[in-house]
N, C-alpha and C. Protein backbone atom coordinates (compact mmCIF):
# COMPACT_ATOMS: atom_id res chain seq x y z
N GLU A 1 121.05 107.74 89.64
CA GLU A 1 120.63 108.84 90.49
C GLU A 1 120.00 109.90 89.60
N ILE A 2 118.87 110.38 89.97
CA ILE A 2 118.17 111.41 89.20
C ILE A 2 118.84 112.75 89.44
N GLY A 3 119.13 113.45 88.36
CA GLY A 3 119.74 114.77 88.48
C GLY A 3 121.22 114.74 88.76
N ALA A 4 121.86 113.60 88.59
CA ALA A 4 123.29 113.51 88.83
C ALA A 4 124.05 114.31 87.78
N PRO A 5 125.09 115.03 88.20
CA PRO A 5 125.86 115.81 87.24
C PRO A 5 126.67 114.89 86.33
N GLY A 6 127.03 115.39 85.16
CA GLY A 6 127.87 114.63 84.24
C GLY A 6 129.26 114.44 84.81
N MET A 7 130.02 113.54 84.24
CA MET A 7 131.36 113.25 84.73
C MET A 7 132.42 114.00 83.94
N SER A 8 132.38 115.30 83.99
CA SER A 8 133.41 116.10 83.32
C SER A 8 134.63 116.18 84.23
N ALA A 9 135.75 116.61 83.68
CA ALA A 9 136.97 116.77 84.47
C ALA A 9 136.75 117.77 85.60
N ARG A 10 135.98 118.80 85.32
CA ARG A 10 135.70 119.81 86.35
C ARG A 10 134.89 119.21 87.51
N THR A 11 133.89 118.39 87.17
CA THR A 11 133.07 117.74 88.20
C THR A 11 133.91 116.79 89.03
N LEU A 12 134.75 115.99 88.37
CA LEU A 12 135.61 115.05 89.09
C LEU A 12 136.58 115.78 90.02
N ALA A 13 137.16 116.88 89.54
CA ALA A 13 138.08 117.66 90.37
C ALA A 13 137.36 118.26 91.57
N SER A 14 136.14 118.72 91.36
CA SER A 14 135.36 119.29 92.46
C SER A 14 135.04 118.22 93.50
N GLU A 15 134.64 117.05 93.05
CA GLU A 15 134.33 115.96 93.97
C GLU A 15 135.57 115.52 94.74
N ALA A 16 136.71 115.44 94.05
CA ALA A 16 137.96 115.05 94.71
C ALA A 16 138.34 116.06 95.79
N ARG A 17 138.18 117.34 95.48
CA ARG A 17 138.48 118.38 96.46
C ARG A 17 137.58 118.25 97.69
N LYS A 18 136.29 118.00 97.47
CA LYS A 18 135.35 117.83 98.58
C LYS A 18 135.75 116.65 99.46
N CYS A 19 136.14 115.55 98.82
CA CYS A 19 136.53 114.36 99.57
C CYS A 19 137.79 114.60 100.41
N LEU A 20 138.74 115.34 99.83
CA LEU A 20 139.99 115.61 100.55
C LEU A 20 139.80 116.60 101.69
N LEU A 21 138.85 117.52 101.55
CA LEU A 21 138.66 118.55 102.56
C LEU A 21 137.84 118.09 103.76
N ARG A 22 137.13 117.01 103.63
CA ARG A 22 136.32 116.53 104.75
C ARG A 22 137.22 115.88 105.79
N THR A 23 137.31 116.50 106.94
CA THR A 23 138.21 116.00 107.98
C THR A 23 137.57 114.92 108.83
N ASN A 24 136.27 114.80 108.78
CA ASN A 24 135.59 113.83 109.63
C ASN A 24 135.17 112.58 108.85
N ARG A 25 135.89 112.26 107.79
CA ARG A 25 135.53 111.12 106.93
C ARG A 25 135.44 109.82 107.73
N TYR A 26 136.44 109.54 108.59
CA TYR A 26 136.41 108.31 109.38
C TYR A 26 135.20 108.27 110.30
N GLU A 27 134.88 109.38 110.92
CA GLU A 27 133.72 109.43 111.81
C GLU A 27 132.42 109.20 111.06
N ARG A 28 132.31 109.74 109.87
CA ARG A 28 131.10 109.55 109.07
C ARG A 28 130.93 108.09 108.66
N ILE A 29 132.03 107.46 108.26
CA ILE A 29 131.96 106.04 107.89
C ILE A 29 131.67 105.19 109.13
N LYS A 30 132.29 105.52 110.24
CA LYS A 30 132.04 104.79 111.48
C LYS A 30 130.56 104.87 111.85
N HIS A 31 129.97 106.04 111.69
CA HIS A 31 128.55 106.23 111.98
C HIS A 31 127.68 105.37 111.05
N LYS A 32 128.04 105.31 109.77
CA LYS A 32 127.29 104.49 108.82
C LYS A 32 127.37 103.01 109.19
N VAL A 33 128.56 102.58 109.60
CA VAL A 33 128.74 101.17 110.01
C VAL A 33 127.89 100.87 111.24
N GLU A 34 127.89 101.78 112.21
CA GLU A 34 127.08 101.59 113.41
C GLU A 34 125.59 101.54 113.08
N GLN A 35 125.14 102.38 112.16
CA GLN A 35 123.74 102.34 111.73
C GLN A 35 123.40 100.99 111.10
N ALA A 36 124.30 100.48 110.29
CA ALA A 36 124.08 99.18 109.65
C ALA A 36 124.00 98.07 110.68
N GLN A 37 124.84 98.14 111.72
CA GLN A 37 124.81 97.13 112.78
C GLN A 37 123.46 97.13 113.49
N VAL A 38 122.96 98.30 113.81
CA VAL A 38 121.67 98.41 114.48
C VAL A 38 120.54 97.91 113.58
N LEU A 39 120.58 98.29 112.31
CA LEU A 39 119.56 97.83 111.37
C LEU A 39 119.56 96.31 111.26
N ALA A 40 120.73 95.71 111.19
CA ALA A 40 120.82 94.25 111.11
C ALA A 40 120.24 93.60 112.37
N LEU A 41 120.48 94.22 113.52
CA LEU A 41 119.91 93.69 114.77
C LEU A 41 118.39 93.80 114.78
N VAL A 42 117.88 94.94 114.35
CA VAL A 42 116.43 95.16 114.31
C VAL A 42 115.78 94.18 113.35
N LEU A 43 116.41 93.96 112.21
CA LEU A 43 115.86 93.04 111.22
C LEU A 43 116.10 91.58 111.58
N ALA A 44 117.02 91.34 112.50
CA ALA A 44 117.41 89.98 112.90
C ALA A 44 117.79 89.15 111.68
N ASP A 45 118.53 89.77 110.77
CA ASP A 45 118.94 89.11 109.54
C ASP A 45 120.46 89.16 109.42
N THR A 46 121.11 88.04 109.65
CA THR A 46 122.57 87.99 109.60
C THR A 46 123.11 87.89 108.19
N ASN A 47 122.25 87.68 107.21
CA ASN A 47 122.70 87.56 105.82
C ASN A 47 122.40 88.80 104.99
N SER A 48 121.95 89.87 105.61
CA SER A 48 121.56 91.07 104.87
C SER A 48 122.79 91.92 104.54
N SER A 49 122.59 92.86 103.64
CA SER A 49 123.64 93.82 103.31
C SER A 49 123.99 94.66 104.53
N ALA A 50 123.00 94.96 105.35
CA ALA A 50 123.24 95.73 106.57
C ALA A 50 124.17 94.98 107.51
N ALA A 51 123.95 93.68 107.66
CA ALA A 51 124.81 92.87 108.53
C ALA A 51 126.23 92.81 107.97
N ALA A 52 126.34 92.66 106.65
CA ALA A 52 127.66 92.60 106.02
C ALA A 52 128.40 93.92 106.21
N PHE A 53 127.72 95.04 105.99
CA PHE A 53 128.36 96.33 106.16
C PHE A 53 128.64 96.62 107.63
N GLY A 54 127.77 96.18 108.50
CA GLY A 54 127.97 96.40 109.94
C GLY A 54 129.19 95.68 110.49
N SER A 55 129.60 94.60 109.84
CA SER A 55 130.76 93.85 110.30
C SER A 55 132.01 94.13 109.47
N ILE A 56 131.96 95.12 108.62
CA ILE A 56 133.05 95.37 107.67
C ILE A 56 134.36 95.76 108.35
N ARG A 57 134.29 96.45 109.47
CA ARG A 57 135.51 96.91 110.14
C ARG A 57 136.32 95.77 110.75
N THR A 58 135.73 94.58 110.87
CA THR A 58 136.45 93.44 111.44
C THR A 58 137.16 92.63 110.37
N LYS A 59 137.03 93.03 109.11
CA LYS A 59 137.59 92.28 107.98
C LYS A 59 138.87 92.92 107.46
N SER A 60 139.63 92.14 106.72
CA SER A 60 140.83 92.67 106.07
C SER A 60 140.40 93.61 104.94
N LYS A 61 141.34 94.42 104.45
CA LYS A 61 141.02 95.38 103.39
C LYS A 61 140.46 94.68 102.15
N VAL A 62 141.02 93.56 101.76
CA VAL A 62 140.55 92.83 100.59
C VAL A 62 139.13 92.32 100.81
N ARG A 63 138.85 91.79 101.99
CA ARG A 63 137.50 91.30 102.28
C ARG A 63 136.51 92.45 102.39
N ARG A 64 136.97 93.60 102.85
CA ARG A 64 136.08 94.79 102.90
C ARG A 64 135.64 95.17 101.50
N ILE A 65 136.60 95.24 100.59
CA ILE A 65 136.28 95.59 99.20
C ILE A 65 135.37 94.54 98.58
N ARG A 66 135.65 93.27 98.85
CA ARG A 66 134.80 92.20 98.33
C ARG A 66 133.38 92.32 98.86
N THR A 67 133.23 92.71 100.11
CA THR A 67 131.90 92.91 100.69
C THR A 67 131.16 94.04 99.98
N LEU A 68 131.86 95.14 99.73
CA LEU A 68 131.25 96.26 99.02
C LEU A 68 130.78 95.83 97.63
N VAL A 69 131.62 95.08 96.93
CA VAL A 69 131.28 94.63 95.58
C VAL A 69 130.11 93.65 95.62
N THR A 70 130.19 92.67 96.49
CA THR A 70 129.16 91.63 96.59
C THR A 70 127.79 92.20 96.88
N HIS A 71 127.73 93.18 97.78
CA HIS A 71 126.45 93.73 98.21
C HIS A 71 126.07 95.03 97.49
N GLY A 72 126.91 95.48 96.57
CA GLY A 72 126.60 96.69 95.81
C GLY A 72 126.52 97.93 96.66
N LEU A 73 127.39 98.05 97.63
CA LEU A 73 127.36 99.17 98.57
C LEU A 73 128.29 100.29 98.08
N TRP A 74 127.80 101.07 97.12
CA TRP A 74 128.61 102.10 96.49
C TRP A 74 127.93 103.46 96.54
N HIS A 75 128.74 104.48 96.38
CA HIS A 75 128.25 105.85 96.28
C HIS A 75 127.87 106.16 94.84
N SER A 76 127.45 107.38 94.59
CA SER A 76 126.90 107.74 93.28
C SER A 76 127.94 108.05 92.21
N ASN A 77 129.21 108.26 92.58
CA ASN A 77 130.20 108.52 91.54
C ASN A 77 131.55 107.92 91.89
N ILE A 78 132.41 107.88 90.90
CA ILE A 78 133.70 107.20 91.02
C ILE A 78 134.61 107.82 92.08
N VAL A 79 134.62 109.14 92.19
CA VAL A 79 135.50 109.79 93.15
C VAL A 79 135.09 109.44 94.57
N ARG A 80 133.80 109.48 94.84
CA ARG A 80 133.33 109.11 96.19
C ARG A 80 133.62 107.66 96.49
N ASN A 81 133.52 106.81 95.49
CA ASN A 81 133.81 105.39 95.70
C ASN A 81 135.28 105.15 95.99
N VAL A 82 136.16 105.87 95.30
CA VAL A 82 137.60 105.75 95.57
C VAL A 82 137.90 106.20 96.99
N ALA A 83 137.34 107.32 97.40
CA ALA A 83 137.54 107.81 98.77
C ALA A 83 136.95 106.83 99.78
N PHE A 84 135.78 106.28 99.49
CA PHE A 84 135.13 105.34 100.38
C PHE A 84 135.99 104.10 100.59
N VAL A 85 136.53 103.56 99.50
CA VAL A 85 137.39 102.37 99.60
C VAL A 85 138.66 102.71 100.36
N ALA A 86 139.20 103.90 100.15
CA ALA A 86 140.44 104.30 100.84
C ALA A 86 140.23 104.42 102.34
N PHE A 87 139.07 104.89 102.76
CA PHE A 87 138.83 105.13 104.18
C PHE A 87 138.11 104.00 104.90
N ILE A 88 137.57 103.05 104.19
CA ILE A 88 136.78 102.00 104.83
C ILE A 88 137.63 101.04 105.62
């Protein structure tokens, strides 16, 4: 990511605080999943990353994480990724 801040303890603490304070985290992820479902339908591609992410809520936690890893569906820093995995 261009212009990404360094990973200092202060930056990590700030990101963790932001993740914890967001009360609509589930709704935001649900919206992202719904967008992926629509994109997969528009593309008519059942093997795409969009299709995999669109069906993620029907999988077990282990399979969800495997889907994220397989398709490289990650955020820009470690704190956001930890929160993403926790809430997905």
